[in-house]
PDB file of all heavy atoms in Angstrom:
ATOM      1  N   ILE A   1      19.740   0.951   2.622  1.00  0.00           N
ATOM      2  CA  ILE A   1      19.655  -0.383   2.041  1.00  0.00           C
ATOM      3  C   ILE A   1      19.188  -1.384   3.087  1.00  0.00           C
ATOM      4  O   ILE A   1      19.859  -1.602   4.087  1.00  0.00           O
ATOM      5  CB  ILE A   1      21.017  -0.823   1.470  1.00  0.00           C
ATOM      6  CG1 ILE A   1      21.471   0.166   0.376  1.00  0.00           C
ATOM      7  CG2 ILE A   1      20.943  -2.227   0.911  1.00  0.00           C
ATOM      8  CD1 ILE A   1      22.861  -0.091  -0.121  1.00  0.00           C
ATOM      9  N   MET A   2      18.032  -1.973   2.862  1.00  0.00           N
ATOM     10  CA  MET A   2      17.513  -2.973   3.776  1.00  0.00           C
ATOM     11  C   MET A   2      18.017  -4.350   3.353  1.00  0.00           C
ATOM     12  O   MET A   2      18.076  -4.675   2.162  1.00  0.00           O
ATOM     13  CB  MET A   2      15.984  -2.969   3.766  1.00  0.00           C
ATOM     14  CG  MET A   2      15.362  -1.620   4.138  1.00  0.00           C
ATOM     15  SD  MET A   2      15.632  -1.142   5.853  1.00  0.00           S
ATOM     16  CE  MET A   2      17.005  -0.015   5.709  1.00  0.00           C
ATOM     17  N   ALA A   3      18.395  -5.156   4.322  1.00  0.00           N
ATOM     18  CA  ALA A   3      18.889  -6.498   4.007  1.00  0.00           C
ATOM     19  C   ALA A   3      17.797  -7.325   3.336  1.00  0.00           C
ATOM     20  O   ALA A   3      18.071  -8.175   2.506  1.00  0.00           O
ATOM     21  CB  ALA A   3      19.373  -7.179   5.280  1.00  0.00           C
ATOM     22  N   LYS A   4      16.548  -7.064   3.689  1.00  0.00           N
ATOM     23  CA  LYS A   4      15.433  -7.820   3.140  1.00  0.00           C
ATOM     24  C   LYS A   4      14.963  -7.162   1.854  1.00  0.00           C
ATOM     25  O   LYS A   4      14.645  -5.982   1.833  1.00  0.00           O
ATOM     26  CB  LYS A   4      14.296  -7.847   4.164  1.00  0.00           C
ATOM     27  CG  LYS A   4      13.089  -8.666   3.759  1.00  0.00           C
ATOM     28  CD  LYS A   4      12.079  -8.643   4.876  1.00  0.00           C
ATOM     29  CE  LYS A   4      10.846  -9.435   4.515  1.00  0.00           C
ATOM     30  NZ  LYS A   4       9.860  -9.401   5.605  1.00  0.00           N
ATOM     31  N   THR A   5      14.931  -7.907   0.739  1.00  0.00           N
ATOM     32  CA  THR A   5      14.529  -7.333  -0.538  1.00  0.00           C
ATOM     33  C   THR A   5      13.145  -7.790  -0.973  1.00  0.00           C
ATOM     34  O   THR A   5      12.617  -7.315  -1.961  1.00  0.00           O
ATOM     35  CB  THR A   5      15.547  -7.698  -1.635  1.00  0.00           C
ATOM     36  OG1 THR A   5      15.682  -9.117  -1.700  1.00  0.00           O
ATOM     37  CG2 THR A   5      16.898  -7.070  -1.336  1.00  0.00           C
ATOM     38  N   THR A   6      12.557  -8.747  -0.279  1.00  0.00           N
ATOM     39  CA  THR A   6      11.163  -9.115  -0.512  1.00  0.00           C
ATOM     40  C   THR A   6      10.372  -8.693   0.714  1.00  0.00           C
ATOM     41  O   THR A   6      10.791  -8.951   1.844  1.00  0.00           O
ATOM     42  CB  THR A   6      11.002 -10.631  -0.746  1.00  0.00           C
ATOM     43  OG1 THR A   6      11.532 -11.346   0.381  1.00  0.00           O
ATOM     44  CG2 THR A   6      11.736 -11.053  -2.006  1.00  0.00           C
ATOM     45  N   TYR A   7       9.253  -8.040   0.487  1.00  0.00           N
ATOM     46  CA  TYR A   7       8.506  -7.444   1.584  1.00  0.00           C
ATOM     47  C   TYR A   7       7.134  -8.093   1.750  1.00  0.00           C
ATOM     48  O   TYR A   7       6.596  -8.678   0.808  1.00  0.00           O
ATOM     49  CB  TYR A   7       8.341  -5.940   1.336  1.00  0.00           C
ATOM     50  CG  TYR A   7       9.647  -5.247   1.083  1.00  0.00           C
ATOM     51  CD1 TYR A   7       9.957  -4.725  -0.169  1.00  0.00           C
ATOM     52  CD2 TYR A   7      10.596  -5.125   2.108  1.00  0.00           C
ATOM     53  CE1 TYR A   7      11.166  -4.093  -0.398  1.00  0.00           C
ATOM     54  CE2 TYR A   7      11.802  -4.489   1.886  1.00  0.00           C
ATOM     55  CZ  TYR A   7      12.092  -3.983   0.625  1.00  0.00           C
ATOM     56  OH  TYR A   7      13.296  -3.367   0.394  1.00  0.00           O
ATOM     57  N   ARG A   8       6.609  -7.964   2.932  1.00  0.00           N
ATOM     58  CA  ARG A   8       5.294  -8.529   3.220  1.00  0.00           C
ATOM     59  C   ARG A   8       4.233  -7.826   2.383  1.00  0.00           C
ATOM     60  O   ARG A   8       4.144  -6.601   2.362  1.00  0.00           O
ATOM     61  CB  ARG A   8       4.980  -8.362   4.705  1.00  0.00           C
ATOM     62  CG  ARG A   8       3.651  -8.975   5.126  1.00  0.00           C
ATOM     63  CD  ARG A   8       3.548  -9.009   6.622  1.00  0.00           C
ATOM     64  NE  ARG A   8       2.350  -9.654   7.094  1.00  0.00           N
ATOM     65  CZ  ARG A   8       2.166 -10.037   8.365  1.00  0.00           C
ATOM     66  NH1 ARG A   8       3.118  -9.855   9.270  1.00  0.00           N
ATOM     67  NH2 ARG A   8       1.052 -10.617   8.747  1.00  0.00           N
ATOM     68  N   LYS A   9       3.424  -8.617   1.704  1.00  0.00           N
ATOM     69  CA  LYS A   9       2.349  -8.090   0.868  1.00  0.00           C
ATOM     70  C   LYS A   9       1.009  -8.352   1.533  1.00  0.00           C
ATOM     71  O   LYS A   9       0.856  -9.297   2.296  1.00  0.00           O
ATOM     72  CB  LYS A   9       2.376  -8.741  -0.517  1.00  0.00           C
ATOM     73  CG  LYS A   9       3.617  -8.429  -1.340  1.00  0.00           C
ATOM     74  CD  LYS A   9       3.597  -9.205  -2.649  1.00  0.00           C
ATOM     75  CE  LYS A   9       4.700  -8.760  -3.593  1.00  0.00           C
ATOM     76  NZ  LYS A   9       6.050  -8.919  -3.016  1.00  0.00           N
ATOM     77  N   GLY A  10       0.034  -7.513   1.211  1.00  0.00           N
ATOM     78  CA  GLY A  10      -1.287  -7.705   1.775  1.00  0.00           C
ATOM     79  C   GLY A  10      -2.339  -6.908   1.039  1.00  0.00           C
ATOM     80  O   GLY A  10      -2.037  -6.100   0.152  1.00  0.00           O
ATOM     81  N   THR A  11      -3.579  -7.126   1.418  1.00  0.00           N
ATOM     82  CA  THR A  11      -4.723  -6.393   0.863  1.00  0.00           C
ATOM     83  C   THR A  11      -5.669  -6.065   2.000  1.00  0.00           C
ATOM     84  O   THR A  11      -5.976  -6.933   2.823  1.00  0.00           O
ATOM     85  CB  THR A  11      -5.465  -7.235  -0.192  1.00  0.00           C
ATOM     86  OG1 THR A  11      -4.529  -7.705  -1.168  1.00  0.00           O
ATOM     87  CG2 THR A  11      -6.538  -6.407  -0.891  1.00  0.00           C
ATOM     88  N   THR A  12      -6.110  -4.831   2.066  1.00  0.00           N
ATOM     89  CA  THR A  12      -7.040  -4.440   3.119  1.00  0.00           C
ATOM     90  C   THR A  12      -8.419  -5.029   2.852  1.00  0.00           C
ATOM     91  O   THR A  12      -8.737  -5.436   1.727  1.00  0.00           O
ATOM     92  CB  THR A  12      -7.184  -2.909   3.192  1.00  0.00           C
ATOM     93  OG1 THR A  12      -7.879  -2.447   2.005  1.00  0.00           O
ATOM     94  CG2 THR A  12      -5.829  -2.222   3.281  1.00  0.00           C
ATOM     95  N   ALA A  13      -9.240  -5.045   3.881  1.00  0.00           N
ATOM     96  CA  ALA A  13     -10.666  -5.273   3.683  1.00  0.00           C
ATOM     97  C   ALA A  13     -11.270  -3.963   3.159  1.00  0.00           C
ATOM     98  O   ALA A  13     -10.556  -2.997   2.898  1.00  0.00           O
ATOM     99  CB  ALA A  13     -11.303  -5.694   5.007  1.00  0.00           C
ATOM    100  N   GLY A  14     -12.580  -3.923   3.021  1.00  0.00           N
ATOM    101  CA  GLY A  14     -13.227  -2.731   2.495  1.00  0.00           C
ATOM    102  C   GLY A  14     -13.094  -1.532   3.419  1.00  0.00           C
ATOM    103  O   GLY A  14     -12.998  -1.670   4.638  1.00  0.00           O
ATOM    104  N   GLY A  15     -13.065  -0.355   2.826  1.00  0.00           N
ATOM    105  CA  GLY A  15     -12.979   0.877   3.606  1.00  0.00           C
ATOM    106  C   GLY A  15     -13.166   2.085   2.715  1.00  0.00           C
ATOM    107  O   GLY A  15     -13.572   1.969   1.549  1.00  0.00           O
ATOM    108  N   THR A  16     -12.874   3.255   3.262  1.00  0.00           N
ATOM    109  CA  THR A  16     -13.103   4.523   2.568  1.00  0.00           C
ATOM    110  C   THR A  16     -11.787   5.220   2.239  1.00  0.00           C
ATOM    111  O   THR A  16     -10.882   5.263   3.062  1.00  0.00           O
ATOM    112  CB  THR A  16     -13.975   5.446   3.445  1.00  0.00           C
ATOM    113  OG1 THR A  16     -15.196   4.769   3.775  1.00  0.00           O
ATOM    114  CG2 THR A  16     -14.307   6.749   2.713  1.00  0.00           C
ATOM    115  N   PHE A  17     -11.708   5.771   1.019  1.00  0.00           N
ATOM    116  CA  PHE A  17     -10.538   6.528   0.585  1.00  0.00           C
ATOM    117  C   PHE A  17     -10.726   7.989   0.954  1.00  0.00           C
ATOM    118  O   PHE A  17     -11.780   8.574   0.707  1.00  0.00           O
ATOM    119  CB  PHE A  17     -10.351   6.436  -0.926  1.00  0.00           C
ATOM    120  CG  PHE A  17     -10.118   5.051  -1.459  1.00  0.00           C
ATOM    121  CD1 PHE A  17     -10.075   4.829  -2.820  1.00  0.00           C
ATOM    122  CD2 PHE A  17      -9.943   3.964  -0.610  1.00  0.00           C
ATOM    123  CE1 PHE A  17      -9.856   3.554  -3.329  1.00  0.00           C
ATOM    124  CE2 PHE A  17      -9.725   2.687  -1.103  1.00  0.00           C
ATOM    125  CZ  PHE A  17      -9.688   2.490  -2.477  1.00  0.00           C
ATOM    126  N   ASN A  18      -9.699   8.584   1.529  1.00  0.00           N
ATOM    127  CA  ASN A  18      -9.712  10.012   1.829  1.00  0.00           C
ATOM    128  C   ASN A  18      -8.535  10.666   1.108  1.00  0.00           C
ATOM    129  O   ASN A  18      -7.428  10.148   1.126  1.00  0.00           O
ATOM    130  CB  ASN A  18      -9.592  10.244   3.344  1.00  0.00           C
ATOM    131  CG  ASN A  18     -10.004  11.645   3.751  1.00  0.00           C
ATOM    132  OD1 ASN A  18     -10.995  12.182   3.246  1.00  0.00           O
ATOM    133  ND2 ASN A  18      -9.266  12.252   4.655  1.00  0.00           N
ATOM    134  N   PHE A  19      -8.786  11.818   0.471  1.00  0.00           N
ATOM    135  CA  PHE A  19      -7.753  12.520  -0.299  1.00  0.00           C
ATOM    136  C   PHE A  19      -6.990  11.564  -1.221  1.00  0.00           C
ATOM    137  O   PHE A  19      -5.763  11.478  -1.162  1.00  0.00           O
ATOM    138  CB  PHE A  19      -6.773  13.242   0.635  1.00  0.00           C
ATOM    139  CG  PHE A  19      -7.416  14.234   1.554  1.00  0.00           C
ATOM    140  CD1 PHE A  19      -7.291  14.099   2.936  1.00  0.00           C
ATOM    141  CD2 PHE A  19      -8.154  15.284   1.057  1.00  0.00           C
ATOM    142  CE1 PHE A  19      -7.892  15.010   3.788  1.00  0.00           C
ATOM    143  CE2 PHE A  19      -8.765  16.208   1.907  1.00  0.00           C
ATOM    144  CZ  PHE A  19      -8.633  16.072   3.278  1.00  0.00           C
ATOM    145  N   PRO A  20      -7.704  10.841  -2.088  1.00  0.00           N
ATOM    146  CA  PRO A  20      -6.995   9.939  -2.985  1.00  0.00           C
ATOM    147  C   PRO A  20      -6.297  10.689  -4.122  1.00  0.00           C
ATOM    148  O   PRO A  20      -6.904  11.532  -4.785  1.00  0.00           O
ATOM    149  CB  PRO A  20      -8.118   9.045  -3.533  1.00  0.00           C
ATOM    150  CG  PRO A  20      -9.347   9.892  -3.447  1.00  0.00           C
ATOM    151  CD  PRO A  20      -9.169  10.788  -2.256  1.00  0.00           C
ATOM    152  N   HIS A  21      -5.029  10.398  -4.323  1.00  0.00           N
ATOM    153  CA  HIS A  21      -4.255  10.925  -5.453  1.00  0.00           C
ATOM    154  C   HIS A  21      -3.759   9.702  -6.216  1.00  0.00           C
ATOM    155  O   HIS A  21      -2.609   9.287  -6.065  1.00  0.00           O
ATOM    156  CB  HIS A  21      -3.098  11.786  -4.963  1.00  0.00           C
ATOM    157  CG  HIS A  21      -3.525  12.968  -4.148  1.00  0.00           C
ATOM    158  ND1 HIS A  21      -3.879  14.171  -4.717  1.00  0.00           N
ATOM    159  CD2 HIS A  21      -3.685  13.114  -2.813  1.00  0.00           C
ATOM    160  CE1 HIS A  21      -4.216  15.033  -3.760  1.00  0.00           C
ATOM    161  NE2 HIS A  21      -4.115  14.401  -2.600  1.00  0.00           N
ATOM    162  N   LEU A  22      -4.650   9.126  -7.008  1.00  0.00           N
ATOM    163  CA  LEU A  22      -4.381   7.847  -7.661  1.00  0.00           C
ATOM    164  C   LEU A  22      -4.207   7.981  -9.165  1.00  0.00           C
ATOM    165  O   LEU A  22      -3.645   7.093  -9.801  1.00  0.00           O
ATOM    166  CB  LEU A  22      -5.512   6.865  -7.357  1.00  0.00           C
ATOM    167  CG  LEU A  22      -5.704   6.551  -5.866  1.00  0.00           C
ATOM    168  CD1 LEU A  22      -7.003   5.782  -5.636  1.00  0.00           C
ATOM    169  CD2 LEU A  22      -4.508   5.781  -5.325  1.00  0.00           C
ATOM    170  N   LEU A  23      -4.696   9.083  -9.734  1.00  0.00           N
ATOM    171  CA  LEU A  23      -4.533   9.337 -11.162  1.00  0.00           C
ATOM    172  C   LEU A  23      -3.409  10.334 -11.427  1.00  0.00           C
ATOM    173  O   LEU A  23      -2.759  10.283 -12.465  1.00  0.00           O
ATOM    174  CB  LEU A  23      -5.852   9.860 -11.758  1.00  0.00           C
ATOM    175  CG  LEU A  23      -7.051   8.922 -11.612  1.00  0.00           C
ATOM    176  CD1 LEU A  23      -8.315   9.599 -12.132  1.00  0.00           C
ATOM    177  CD2 LEU A  23      -6.802   7.612 -12.349  1.00  0.00           C
ATOM    178  N   GLU A  24      -3.221  11.240 -10.482  1.00  0.00           N
ATOM    179  CA  GLU A  24      -2.136  12.221 -10.550  1.00  0.00           C
ATOM    180  C   GLU A  24      -1.408  12.212  -9.211  1.00  0.00           C
ATOM    181  O   GLU A  24      -1.989  11.886  -8.174  1.00  0.00           O
ATOM    182  CB  GLU A  24      -2.680  13.623 -10.844  1.00  0.00           C
ATOM    183  CG  GLU A  24      -3.438  13.731 -12.164  1.00  0.00           C
ATOM    184  CD  GLU A  24      -2.556  13.533 -13.378  1.00  0.00           C
ATOM    185  OE1 GLU A  24      -1.326  13.718 -13.255  1.00  0.00           O
ATOM    186  OE2 GLU A  24      -3.085  13.187 -14.458  1.00  0.00           O
TER     187      GLU A  24
END
């Protein structure tokens, strides 16, 4: 249990996906 319940959010710049498992 972490005392902090809201976490830092972000978005990367452009890049390449390797071994993506995004649908399954």
